[in-house]
């Protein structure tokens, strides 16, 4: 490799890029397929309960479900707004 190779700008191969994007989409669909059917509704209901006490957006809440041979884990992450300090 020569020194000039570092300065060349190469465009990403569109077929490679499309293949990688498809791979990501398939992985996402597979993970969603293994989740319980009640998960989207659970997320909406949790958001309603939380919004009784603090104003947050749906994008501030993420619910993930993982399972293996021994256990199932439901993880809820909420980005809370900063409270003004007095």
PDB file of N, CA and C in Angstrom:
ATOM      1  N   UNK A   1       0.847  -1.164   0.000  1.00  0.00           N
ATOM      2  CA  UNK A   1       0.000   0.000   0.000  1.00  0.00           C
ATOM      3  C   UNK A   1       0.899   1.235   0.000  1.00  0.00           C
ATOM      4  N   UNK A   2       0.575   2.163  -0.852  1.00  0.00           N
ATOM      5  CA  UNK A   2       1.393   3.364  -0.948  1.00  0.00           C
ATOM      6  C   UNK A   2       0.780   4.481  -0.107  1.00  0.00           C
ATOM      7  N   UNK A   3       1.538   5.523   0.065  1.00  0.00           N
ATOM      8  CA  UNK A   3       1.088   6.669   0.836  1.00  0.00           C
ATOM      9  C   UNK A   3      -0.115   7.343   0.181  1.00  0.00           C
ATOM     10  N   UNK A   4      -0.179   7.312  -1.138  1.00  0.00           N
ATOM     11  CA  UNK A   4      -1.295   7.938  -1.850  1.00  0.00           C
ATOM     12  C   UNK A   4      -2.621   7.211  -1.626  1.00  0.00           C
ATOM     13  N   UNK A   5      -2.550   5.932  -1.274  1.00  0.00           N
ATOM     14  CA  UNK A   5      -3.775   5.176  -1.018  1.00  0.00           C
ATOM     15  C   UNK A   5      -4.553   5.747   0.167  1.00  0.00           C
ATOM     16  N   UNK A   6      -3.872   6.372   1.106  1.00  0.00           N
ATOM     17  CA  UNK A   6      -4.553   6.950   2.263  1.00  0.00           C
ATOM     18  C   UNK A   6      -5.406   8.156   1.884  1.00  0.00           C
ATOM     19  N   UNK A   7      -5.033   8.835   0.814  1.00  0.00           N
ATOM     20  CA  UNK A   7      -5.734  10.052   0.425  1.00  0.00           C
ATOM     21  C   UNK A   7      -6.818   9.829  -0.621  1.00  0.00           C
ATOM     22  N   UNK A   8      -6.912   8.646  -1.138  1.00  0.00           N
ATOM     23  CA  UNK A   8      -7.952   8.348  -2.113  1.00  0.00           C
ATOM     24  C   UNK A   8      -9.299   8.246  -1.406  1.00  0.00           C
ATOM     25  N   UNK A   9     -10.288   8.820  -2.013  1.00  0.00           N
ATOM     26  CA  UNK A   9     -11.642   8.670  -1.477  1.00  0.00           C
ATOM     27  C   UNK A   9     -12.335   7.583  -2.283  1.00  0.00           C
ATOM     28  N   UNK A  10     -12.783   6.596  -1.599  1.00  0.00           N
ATOM     29  CA  UNK A  10     -13.476   5.514  -2.286  1.00  0.00           C
ATOM     30  C   UNK A  10     -14.942   5.545  -1.886  1.00  0.00           C
ATOM     31  N   UNK A  11     -15.772   5.357  -2.857  1.00  0.00           N
ATOM     32  CA  UNK A  11     -17.192   5.295  -2.596  1.00  0.00           C
ATOM     33  C   UNK A  11     -17.531   3.883  -2.128  1.00  0.00           C
ATOM     34  N   UNK A  12     -18.412   3.777  -1.131  1.00  0.00           N
ATOM     35  CA  UNK A  12     -18.773   2.442  -0.680  1.00  0.00           C
ATOM     36  C   UNK A  12     -19.507   1.687  -1.788  1.00  0.00           C
ATOM     37  N   UNK A  13     -19.232   0.429  -1.886  1.00  0.00           N
ATOM     38  CA  UNK A  13     -19.881  -0.418  -2.863  1.00  0.00           C
ATOM     39  C   UNK A  13     -21.362  -0.505  -2.503  1.00  0.00           C
ATOM     40  N   UNK A  14     -22.240  -0.080  -3.402  1.00  0.00           N
ATOM     41  CA  UNK A  14     -23.665  -0.024  -3.080  1.00  0.00           C
ATOM     42  C   UNK A  14     -24.245  -1.414  -2.824  1.00  0.00           C
ATOM     43  N   UNK A  15     -23.747  -2.420  -3.484  1.00  0.00           N
ATOM     44  CA  UNK A  15     -24.239  -3.778  -3.234  1.00  0.00           C
ATOM     45  C   UNK A  15     -23.851  -4.231  -1.835  1.00  0.00           C
ATOM     46  N   UNK A  16     -22.633  -3.910  -1.421  1.00  0.00           N
ATOM     47  CA  UNK A  16     -22.198  -4.278  -0.071  1.00  0.00           C
ATOM     48  C   UNK A  16     -23.030  -3.553   0.973  1.00  0.00           C
ATOM     49  N   UNK A  17     -23.277  -2.280   0.726  1.00  0.00           N
ATOM     50  CA  UNK A  17     -24.059  -1.474   1.654  1.00  0.00           C
ATOM     51  C   UNK A  17     -25.490  -1.996   1.752  1.00  0.00           C
ATOM     52  N   UNK A  18     -26.085  -2.329   0.628  1.00  0.00           N
ATOM     53  CA  UNK A  18     -27.447  -2.867   0.622  1.00  0.00           C
ATOM     54  C   UNK A  18     -27.503  -4.212   1.338  1.00  0.00           C
ATOM     55  N   UNK A  19     -26.501  -5.038   1.142  1.00  0.00           N
ATOM     56  CA  UNK A  19     -26.452  -6.345   1.798  1.00  0.00           C
ATOM     57  C   UNK A  19     -26.359  -6.182   3.309  1.00  0.00           C
ATOM     58  N   UNK A  20     -25.542  -5.241   3.773  1.00  0.00           N
ATOM     59  CA  UNK A  20     -25.398  -5.001   5.203  1.00  0.00           C
ATOM     60  C   UNK A  20     -26.696  -4.466   5.803  1.00  0.00           C
ATOM     61  N   UNK A  21     -27.362  -3.565   5.091  1.00  0.00           N
ATOM     62  CA  UNK A  21     -28.645  -3.041   5.575  1.00  0.00           C
ATOM     63  C   UNK A  21     -29.693  -4.152   5.660  1.00  0.00           C
ATOM     64  N   UNK A  22     -29.715  -5.015   4.665  1.00  0.00           N
ATOM     65  CA  UNK A  22     -30.659  -6.133   4.679  1.00  0.00           C
ATOM     66  C   UNK A  22     -30.365  -7.068   5.848  1.00  0.00           C
ATOM     67  N   UNK A  23     -29.108  -7.299   6.104  1.00  0.00           N
ATOM     68  CA  UNK A  23     -28.702  -8.160   7.222  1.00  0.00           C
ATOM     69  C   UNK A  23     -29.198  -7.573   8.548  1.00  0.00           C
ATOM     70  N   UNK A  24     -29.098  -6.261   8.705  1.00  0.00           N
ATOM     71  CA  UNK A  24     -29.570  -5.601   9.924  1.00  0.00           C
ATOM     72  C   UNK A  24     -31.084  -5.722  10.050  1.00  0.00           C
ATOM     73  N   UNK A  25     -31.795  -5.516   8.938  1.00  0.00           N
ATOM     74  CA  UNK A  25     -33.255  -5.633   8.963  1.00  0.00           C
ATOM     75  C   UNK A  25     -33.713  -7.046   9.317  1.00  0.00           C
ATOM     76  N   UNK A  26     -33.059  -8.036   8.754  1.00  0.00           N
ATOM     77  CA  UNK A  26     -33.428  -9.429   9.042  1.00  0.00           C
ATOM     78  C   UNK A  26     -33.169  -9.748  10.505  1.00  0.00           C
ATOM     79  N   UNK A  27     -32.051  -9.292  11.046  1.00  0.00           N
ATOM     80  CA  UNK A  27     -31.747  -9.534  12.457  1.00  0.00           C
ATOM     81  C   UNK A  27     -32.778  -8.861  13.355  1.00  0.00           C
ATOM     82  N   UNK A  28     -33.204  -7.653  12.981  1.00  0.00           N
ATOM     83  CA  UNK A  28     -34.213  -6.946  13.767  1.00  0.00           C
ATOM     84  C   UNK A  28     -35.551  -7.681  13.716  1.00  0.00           C
ATOM     85  N   UNK A  29     -35.942  -8.153  12.546  1.00  0.00           N
ATOM     86  CA  UNK A  29     -37.199  -8.887  12.410  1.00  0.00           C
ATOM     87  C   UNK A  29     -37.172 -10.190  13.207  1.00  0.00           C
ATOM     88  N   UNK A  30     -36.045 -10.881  13.189  1.00  0.00           N
ATOM     89  CA  UNK A  30     -35.933 -12.127  13.949  1.00  0.00           C
ATOM     90  C   UNK A  30     -36.069 -11.877  15.443  1.00  0.00           C
ATOM     91  N   UNK A  31     -35.438 -10.804  15.920  1.00  0.00           N
ATOM     92  CA  UNK A  31     -35.533 -10.517  17.354  1.00  0.00           C
ATOM     93  C   UNK A  31     -36.956 -10.110  17.724  1.00  0.00           C
ATOM     94  N   UNK A  32     -37.625  -9.372  16.848  1.00  0.00           N
ATOM     95  CA  UNK A  32     -39.009  -8.965  17.114  1.00  0.00           C
ATOM     96  C   UNK A  32     -39.946 -10.166  17.100  1.00  0.00           C
ATOM     97  N   UNK A  33     -39.639 -11.156  16.284  1.00  0.00           N
ATOM     98  CA  UNK A  33     -40.482 -12.347  16.173  1.00  0.00           C
ATOM     99  C   UNK A  33     -40.463 -13.156  17.470  1.00  0.00           C
ATOM    100  N   UNK A  34     -39.366 -13.114  18.203  1.00  0.00           N
ATOM    101  CA  UNK A  34     -39.236 -13.880  19.438  1.00  0.00           C
ATOM    102  C   UNK A  34     -39.843 -13.168  20.644  1.00  0.00           C
ATOM    103  N   UNK A  35     -40.325 -11.959  20.469  1.00  0.00           N
ATOM    104  CA  UNK A  35     -40.907 -11.215  21.573  1.00  0.00           C
ATOM    105  C   UNK A  35     -42.371 -11.594  21.745  1.00  0.00           C
ATOM    106  N   UNK A  36     -42.854 -11.489  22.969  1.00  0.00           N
ATOM    107  CA  UNK A  36     -44.271 -11.775  23.197  1.00  0.00           C
ATOM    108  C   UNK A  36     -45.155 -10.773  22.460  1.00  0.00           C
ATOM    109  N   UNK A  37     -46.340 -11.208  22.077  1.00  0.00           N
ATOM    110  CA  UNK A  37     -47.246 -10.354  21.299  1.00  0.00           C
ATOM    111  C   UNK A  37     -47.774  -9.180  22.115  1.00  0.00           C
ATOM    112  N   UNK A  38     -47.740  -9.286  23.438  1.00  0.00           N
ATOM    113  CA  UNK A  38     -48.271  -8.225  24.284  1.00  0.00           C
ATOM    114  C   UNK A  38     -47.286  -7.080  24.516  1.00  0.00           C
ATOM    115  N   UNK A  39     -46.069  -7.204  24.056  1.00  0.00           N
ATOM    116  CA  UNK A  39     -45.042  -6.218  24.356  1.00  0.00           C
ATOM    117  C   UNK A  39     -45.373  -4.803  23.858  1.00  0.00           C
ATOM    118  N   UNK A  40     -45.823  -4.580  22.630  1.00  0.00           N
ATOM    119  CA  UNK A  40     -46.166  -3.212  22.212  1.00  0.00           C
ATOM    120  C   UNK A  40     -47.275  -2.583  23.061  1.00  0.00           C
ATOM    121  N   UNK A  41     -48.293  -3.379  23.386  1.00  0.00           N
ATOM    122  CA  UNK A  41     -49.384  -2.863  24.210  1.00  0.00           C
ATOM    123  C   UNK A  41     -48.902  -2.566  25.632  1.00  0.00           C
ATOM    124  N   UNK A  42     -48.045  -3.405  26.158  1.00  0.00           N
ATOM    125  CA  UNK A  42     -47.468  -3.180  27.482  1.00  0.00           C
ATOM    126  C   UNK A  42     -46.691  -1.866  27.511  1.00  0.00           C
ATOM    127  N   UNK A  43     -45.927  -1.602  26.456  1.00  0.00           N
ATOM    128  CA  UNK A  43     -45.153  -0.370  26.376  1.00  0.00           C
ATOM    129  C   UNK A  43     -46.086   0.852  26.388  1.00  0.00           C
ATOM    130  N   UNK A  44     -47.180   0.790  25.654  1.00  0.00           N
ATOM    131  CA  UNK A  44     -48.132   1.905  25.622  1.00  0.00           C
ATOM    132  C   UNK A  44     -48.756   2.133  27.002  1.00  0.00           C
ATOM    133  N   UNK A  45     -49.147   1.048  27.671  1.00  0.00           N
ATOM    134  CA  UNK A  45     -49.771   1.177  28.981  1.00  0.00           C
ATOM    135  C   UNK A  45     -48.785   1.704  30.015  1.00  0.00           C
ATOM    136  N   UNK A  46     -47.553   1.253  29.961  1.00  0.00           N
ATOM    137  CA  UNK A  46     -46.535   1.768  30.880  1.00  0.00           C
ATOM    138  C   UNK A  46     -46.314   3.257  30.660  1.00  0.00           C
ATOM    139  N   UNK A  47     -46.306   3.667  29.413  1.00  0.00           N
ATOM    140  CA  UNK A  47     -46.128   5.082  29.098  1.00  0.00           C
ATOM    141  C   UNK A  47     -47.272   5.912  29.686  1.00  0.00           C
ATOM    142  N   UNK A  48     -48.503   5.424  29.592  1.00  0.00           N
ATOM    143  CA  UNK A  48     -49.648   6.149  30.150  1.00  0.00           C
ATOM    144  C   UNK A  48     -49.519   6.312  31.656  1.00  0.00           C
ATOM    145  N   UNK A  49     -49.107   5.252  32.334  1.00  0.00           N
ATOM    146  CA  UNK A  49     -48.954   5.311  33.791  1.00  0.00           C
ATOM    147  C   UNK A  49     -47.845   6.288  34.172  1.00  0.00           C
ATOM    148  N   UNK A  50     -46.734   6.236  33.477  1.00  0.00           N
ATOM    149  CA  UNK A  50     -45.602   7.119  33.778  1.00  0.00           C
ATOM    150  C   UNK A  50     -45.982   8.574  33.516  1.00  0.00           C
ATOM    151  N   UNK A  51     -46.770   8.811  32.452  1.00  0.00           N
ATOM    152  CA  UNK A  51     -47.157  10.176  32.110  1.00  0.00           C
ATOM    153  C   UNK A  51     -48.126  10.789  33.128  1.00  0.00           C
ATOM    154  N   UNK A  52     -48.695   9.988  34.003  1.00  0.00           N
ATOM    155  CA  UNK A  52     -49.507  10.545  35.083  1.00  0.00           C
ATOM    156  C   UNK A  52     -48.634  11.347  36.053  1.00  0.00           C
ATOM    157  N   UNK A  53     -47.373  10.980  36.140  1.00  0.00           N
ATOM    158  CA  UNK A  53     -46.482  11.587  37.120  1.00  0.00           C
ATOM    159  C   UNK A  53     -45.435  12.515  36.516  1.00  0.00           C
ATOM    160  N   UNK A  54     -45.050  12.244  35.279  1.00  0.00           N
ATOM    161  CA  UNK A  54     -44.009  13.052  34.645  1.00  0.00           C
ATOM    162  C   UNK A  54     -44.247  13.064  33.141  1.00  0.00           C
ATOM    163  N   UNK A  55     -44.013  14.197  32.505  1.00  0.00           N
ATOM    164  CA  UNK A  55     -44.247  14.327  31.067  1.00  0.00           C
ATOM    165  C   UNK A  55     -43.043  13.776  30.289  1.00  0.00           C
ATOM    166  N   UNK A  56     -43.259  12.680  29.579  1.00  0.00           N
ATOM    167  CA  UNK A  56     -42.217  12.090  28.730  1.00  0.00           C
ATOM    168  C   UNK A  56     -42.826  11.723  27.390  1.00  0.00           C
ATOM    169  N   UNK A  57     -41.964  11.500  26.427  1.00  0.00           N
ATOM    170  CA  UNK A  57     -42.369  11.146  25.074  1.00  0.00           C
ATOM    171  C   UNK A  57     -42.194   9.639  24.892  1.00  0.00           C
ATOM    172  N   UNK A  58     -42.932   9.056  23.972  1.00  0.00           N
ATOM    173  CA  UNK A  58     -42.811   7.631  23.684  1.00  0.00           C
ATOM    174  C   UNK A  58     -41.391   7.270  23.262  1.00  0.00           C
ATOM    175  N   UNK A  59     -40.699   8.195  22.603  1.00  0.00           N
ATOM    176  CA  UNK A  59     -39.326   7.943  22.171  1.00  0.00           C
ATOM    177  C   UNK A  59     -38.354   7.885  23.345  1.00  0.00           C
ATOM    178  N   UNK A  60     -38.790   8.347  24.524  1.00  0.00           N
ATOM    179  CA  UNK A  60     -37.940   8.316  25.709  1.00  0.00           C
ATOM    180  C   UNK A  60     -38.045   7.000  26.467  1.00  0.00           C
ATOM    181  N   UNK A  61     -38.891   6.106  25.973  1.00  0.00           N
ATOM    182  CA  UNK A  61     -39.100   4.821  26.649  1.00  0.00           C
ATOM    183  C   UNK A  61     -38.729   3.693  25.693  1.00  0.00           C
ATOM    184  N   UNK A  62     -37.913   2.776  26.185  1.00  0.00           N
ATOM    185  CA  UNK A  62     -37.613   1.585  25.382  1.00  0.00           C
ATOM    186  C   UNK A  62     -37.834   0.343  26.235  1.00  0.00           C
ATOM    187  N   UNK A  63     -38.468  -0.625  25.639  1.00  0.00           N
ATOM    188  CA  UNK A  63     -38.746  -1.891  26.297  1.00  0.00           C
ATOM    189  C   UNK A  63     -38.081  -2.980  25.491  1.00  0.00           C
ATOM    190  N   UNK A  64     -37.261  -3.779  26.144  1.00  0.00           N
ATOM    191  CA  UNK A  64     -36.621  -4.902  25.462  1.00  0.00           C
ATOM    192  C   UNK A  64     -36.957  -6.197  26.184  1.00  0.00           C
ATOM    193  N   UNK A  65     -37.018  -7.231  25.425  1.00  0.00           N
ATOM    194  CA  UNK A  65     -37.338  -8.550  25.956  1.00  0.00           C
ATOM    195  C   UNK A  65     -36.258  -9.511  25.503  1.00  0.00           C
ATOM    196  N   UNK A  66     -35.637 -10.184  26.446  1.00  0.00           N
ATOM    197  CA  UNK A  66     -34.627 -11.198  26.149  1.00  0.00           C
ATOM    198  C   UNK A  66     -35.029 -12.498  26.813  1.00  0.00           C
ATOM    199  N   UNK A  67     -34.741 -13.590  26.142  1.00  0.00           N
ATOM    200  CA  UNK A  67     -35.007 -14.881  26.766  1.00  0.00           C
ATOM    201  C   UNK A  67     -33.908 -15.859  26.383  1.00  0.00           C
ATOM    202  N   UNK A  68     -33.633 -16.740  27.306  1.00  0.00           N
ATOM    203  CA  UNK A  68     -32.716 -17.834  27.037  1.00  0.00           C
ATOM    204  C   UNK A  68     -33.338 -19.094  27.630  1.00  0.00           C
ATOM    205  N   UNK A  69     -32.572 -20.142  27.747  1.00  0.00           N
ATOM    206  CA  UNK A  69     -33.114 -21.419  28.217  1.00  0.00           C
ATOM    207  C   UNK A  69     -33.629 -21.357  29.652  1.00  0.00           C
ATOM    208  N   UNK A  70     -33.027 -20.482  30.464  1.00  0.00           N
ATOM    209  CA  UNK A  70     -33.352 -20.473  31.882  1.00  0.00           C
ATOM    210  C   UNK A  70     -34.296 -19.362  32.324  1.00  0.00           C
ATOM    211  N   UNK A  71     -34.275 -18.222  31.625  1.00  0.00           N
ATOM    212  CA  UNK A  71     -35.069 -17.098  32.111  1.00  0.00           C
ATOM    213  C   UNK A  71     -35.485 -16.159  30.991  1.00  0.00           C
ATOM    214  N   UNK A  72     -36.473 -15.330  31.314  1.00  0.00           N
ATOM    215  CA  UNK A  72     -36.911 -14.272  30.415  1.00  0.00           C
ATOM    216  C   UNK A  72     -36.729 -12.951  31.155  1.00  0.00           C
ATOM    217  N   UNK A  73     -36.251 -11.946  30.439  1.00  0.00           N
ATOM    218  CA  UNK A  73     -35.977 -10.646  31.055  1.00  0.00           C
ATOM    219  C   UNK A  73     -36.691  -9.557  30.284  1.00  0.00           C
ATOM    220  N   UNK A  74     -37.442  -8.755  30.999  1.00  0.00           N
ATOM    221  CA  UNK A  74     -38.094  -7.590  30.430  1.00  0.00           C
ATOM    222  C   UNK A  74     -37.384  -6.370  31.001  1.00  0.00           C
ATOM    223  N   UNK A  75     -36.810  -5.556  30.120  1.00  0.00           N
ATOM    224  CA  UNK A  75     -36.050  -4.387  30.561  1.00  0.00           C
ATOM    225  C   UNK A  75     -36.747  -3.127  30.081  1.00  0.00           C
ATOM    226  N   UNK A  76     -36.940  -2.204  30.999  1.00  0.00           N
ATOM    227  CA  UNK A  76     -37.595  -0.941  30.706  1.00  0.00           C
ATOM    228  C   UNK A  76     -36.603   0.182  30.971  1.00  0.00           C
ATOM    229  N   UNK A  77     -36.316   0.974  29.939  1.00  0.00           N
ATOM    230  CA  UNK A  77     -35.421   2.119  30.078  1.00  0.00           C
ATOM    231  C   UNK A  77     -36.211   3.385  29.775  1.00  0.00           C
ATOM    232  N   UNK A  78     -36.113   4.360  30.685  1.00  0.00           N
ATOM    233  CA  UNK A  78     -36.833   5.618  30.539  1.00  0.00           C
ATOM    234  C   UNK A  78     -35.832   6.758  30.683  1.00  0.00           C
ATOM    235  N   UNK A  79     -35.832   7.650  29.704  1.00  0.00           N
ATOM    236  CA  UNK A  79     -35.006   8.844  29.797  1.00  0.00           C
ATOM    237  C   UNK A  79     -35.872   9.921  30.438  1.00  0.00           C
ATOM    238  N   UNK A  80     -35.537  10.261  31.674  1.00  0.00           N
ATOM    239  CA  UNK A  80     -36.307  11.254  32.402  1.00  0.00           C
ATOM    240  C   UNK A  80     -35.792  12.651  32.092  1.00  0.00           C
ATOM    241  N   UNK A  81     -36.700  13.621  32.003  1.00  0.00           N
ATOM    242  CA  UNK A  81     -36.252  14.992  31.767  1.00  0.00           C
ATOM    243  C   UNK A  81     -35.517  15.529  32.985  1.00  0.00           C
ATOM    244  N   UNK A  82     -34.627  16.464  32.753  1.00  0.00           N
ATOM    245  CA  UNK A  82     -33.883  17.057  33.866  1.00  0.00           C
ATOM    246  C   UNK A  82     -34.822  17.926  34.698  1.00  0.00           C
ATOM    247  N   UNK A  83     -34.698  17.810  35.999  1.00  0.00           N
ATOM    248  CA  UNK A  83     -35.500  18.631  36.906  1.00  0.00           C
ATOM    249  C   UNK A  83     -34.702  19.875  37.278  1.00  0.00           C
ATOM    250  N   UNK A  84     -35.314  21.035  37.237  1.00  0.00           N
ATOM    251  CA  UNK A  84     -34.574  22.246  37.616  1.00  0.00           C
ATOM    252  C   UNK A  84     -34.173  22.171  39.085  1.00  0.00           C
ATOM    253  N   UNK A  85     -32.948  22.564  39.369  1.00  0.00           N
ATOM    254  CA  UNK A  85     -32.472  22.550  40.750  1.00  0.00           C
ATOM    255  C   UNK A  85     -32.866  23.846  41.421  1.00  0.00           C
ATOM    256  N   UNK A  86     -33.288  23.742  42.670  1.00  0.00           N
ATOM    257  CA  UNK A  86     -33.685  24.958  43.387  1.00  0.00           C
ATOM    258  C   UNK A  86     -32.653  25.370  44.400  1.00  0.00           C
TER     259      UNK A  86
END
